[in-house]
Every structure is written in structure tokens, then in C-alpha cells.
Amino acid sequence: MLRPNKHSHPDKTIVSIAYLMLARLRKKRLEGYDALRRHIRRSVPGGDYLFVPALSFLYLLGLIDYRGKTDSIEYVGPNEAIEAVHQ
């Protein structure tokens, strides 16, 4: 869910999970898909079901990219994503 309501737990929203992913990816720049999923599973109990929607959310924002050969997620940041669109 993107719009929290009064029944939403603040730590169990797509935005919260996306923030945890982004913080991790900004530190490491490149993280394996399974390792990132394990990190989310350990950080937020029961937040595993939000992993894929949060990953899609970050991809749509242009902040991450998926590397199929290594099965990894790479942080590309807002500047690199904007430059790629304008080229």
C-alpha cells in the first residue's frame, strides 16, 4: 500500500520497505537479490511480502536497476537515472 491509513503499521508499508532497501543499496551500491531479501526479512518481521512491490516502486522511480547476469540490484541514484532518460 502506498497511502497509509489509520490501520497501517508504519513499518509495514511499501514506502518503509523501499526506504530500508534504498539505505542498504546506497551503502553497498550493489546487492544480490537474495541477500537484499534476507535483509528485509530480518529488519521487518512479516515485511517479506512487501519486498517485490517495494522493489518495483524503486525501479519505477529510477533509483535502482536489476542486473540479470549476476542476479543483483544496483543503486543508480537519481542523477544517473535522469541522465539516462535525457540521452
Protein backbone atom coordinates (compact mmCIF):
# COMPACT_ATOMS: atom_id res chain seq x y z
CA MET A 1 0.00 0.00 0.00
CA LEU A 2 1.34 3.42 -0.89
CA ARG A 3 -1.15 5.50 1.04
CA PRO A 4 -1.10 4.63 4.69
CA ASN A 5 -4.31 4.88 6.66
CA LYS A 6 -5.09 4.68 10.36
CA HIS A 7 -4.91 0.88 10.27
CA SER A 8 -1.44 0.69 8.66
CA HIS A 9 1.58 -0.21 10.73
CA PRO A 10 4.25 2.40 9.85
CA ASP A 11 6.98 -0.22 9.40
CA LYS A 12 4.88 -2.45 7.17
CA THR A 13 4.26 -0.20 4.18
CA ILE A 14 5.85 -0.20 0.73
CA VAL A 15 7.43 3.18 1.38
CA SER A 16 9.06 1.97 4.60
CA ILE A 17 10.42 -1.20 2.99
CA ALA A 18 11.65 0.82 0.00
CA TYR A 19 13.46 3.16 2.39
CA LEU A 20 15.25 0.23 4.05
CA MET A 21 16.27 -1.13 0.64
CA LEU A 22 17.47 2.24 -0.53
CA ALA A 23 19.52 2.83 2.61
CA ARG A 24 21.20 -0.56 2.18
CA LEU A 25 21.83 -0.08 -1.54
CA ARG A 26 23.26 3.40 -1.09
CA LYS A 27 25.87 1.95 1.27
CA LYS A 28 26.79 -1.09 -0.80
CA ARG A 29 25.87 0.16 -4.32
CA LEU A 30 25.30 -3.45 -5.47
CA GLU A 31 23.50 -6.18 -3.55
CA GLY A 32 22.37 -9.66 -4.52
CA TYR A 33 18.63 -10.20 -4.81
CA ASP A 34 18.54 -12.92 -2.16
CA ALA A 35 20.82 -11.01 0.22
CA LEU A 36 18.61 -7.92 -0.03
CA ARG A 37 15.52 -10.02 0.58
CA ARG A 38 17.12 -11.60 3.67
CA HIS A 39 17.99 -8.13 4.96
CA ILE A 40 14.36 -7.02 4.67
CA ARG A 41 13.13 -10.26 6.25
CA ARG A 42 15.42 -9.69 9.26
CA SER A 43 14.66 -5.96 9.55
CA VAL A 44 10.85 -6.12 9.42
CA PRO A 45 9.11 -9.24 10.69
CA GLY A 46 6.36 -10.09 8.24
CA GLY A 47 7.58 -7.50 5.73
CA ASP A 48 8.76 -10.09 3.24
CA TYR A 49 5.52 -9.92 1.27
CA LEU A 50 6.22 -6.23 0.53
CA PHE A 51 9.67 -6.92 -0.94
CA VAL A 52 8.66 -7.18 -4.60
CA PRO A 53 6.22 -4.22 -4.57
CA ALA A 54 8.87 -2.04 -2.88
CA LEU A 55 11.48 -3.18 -5.39
CA SER A 56 9.10 -2.30 -8.24
CA PHE A 57 8.43 1.09 -6.65
CA LEU A 58 12.15 1.93 -6.54
CA TYR A 59 12.61 0.71 -10.10
CA LEU A 60 9.76 2.89 -11.34
CA LEU A 61 11.32 5.88 -9.61
CA GLY A 62 14.55 5.18 -11.49
CA LEU A 63 16.64 4.68 -8.37
CA ILE A 64 17.66 1.05 -8.90
CA ASP A 65 18.43 -1.28 -11.76
CA TYR A 66 18.37 -5.07 -11.98
CA ARG A 67 21.47 -6.89 -13.27
CA GLY A 68 20.27 -10.22 -14.64
CA LYS A 69 23.69 -11.81 -15.18
CA THR A 70 24.60 -11.52 -11.50
CA ASP A 71 21.03 -11.52 -10.13
CA SER A 72 21.79 -8.27 -8.32
CA ILE A 73 20.14 -4.95 -7.62
CA GLU A 74 22.26 -1.84 -8.28
CA TYR A 75 21.66 1.62 -6.89
CA VAL A 76 21.86 4.06 -9.79
CA GLY A 77 20.69 7.15 -7.91
CA PRO A 78 18.52 9.99 -9.13
CA ASN A 79 21.23 11.75 -11.15
CA GLU A 80 22.28 8.76 -13.23
CA ALA A 81 18.66 7.78 -13.89
CA ILE A 82 17.79 11.28 -15.12
CA GLU A 83 20.86 11.42 -17.37
CA ALA A 84 19.98 8.06 -18.94
CA VAL A 85 16.50 9.32 -19.85
CA HIS A 86 17.82 12.50 -21.46
CA GLN A 87 20.43 10.76 -23.65
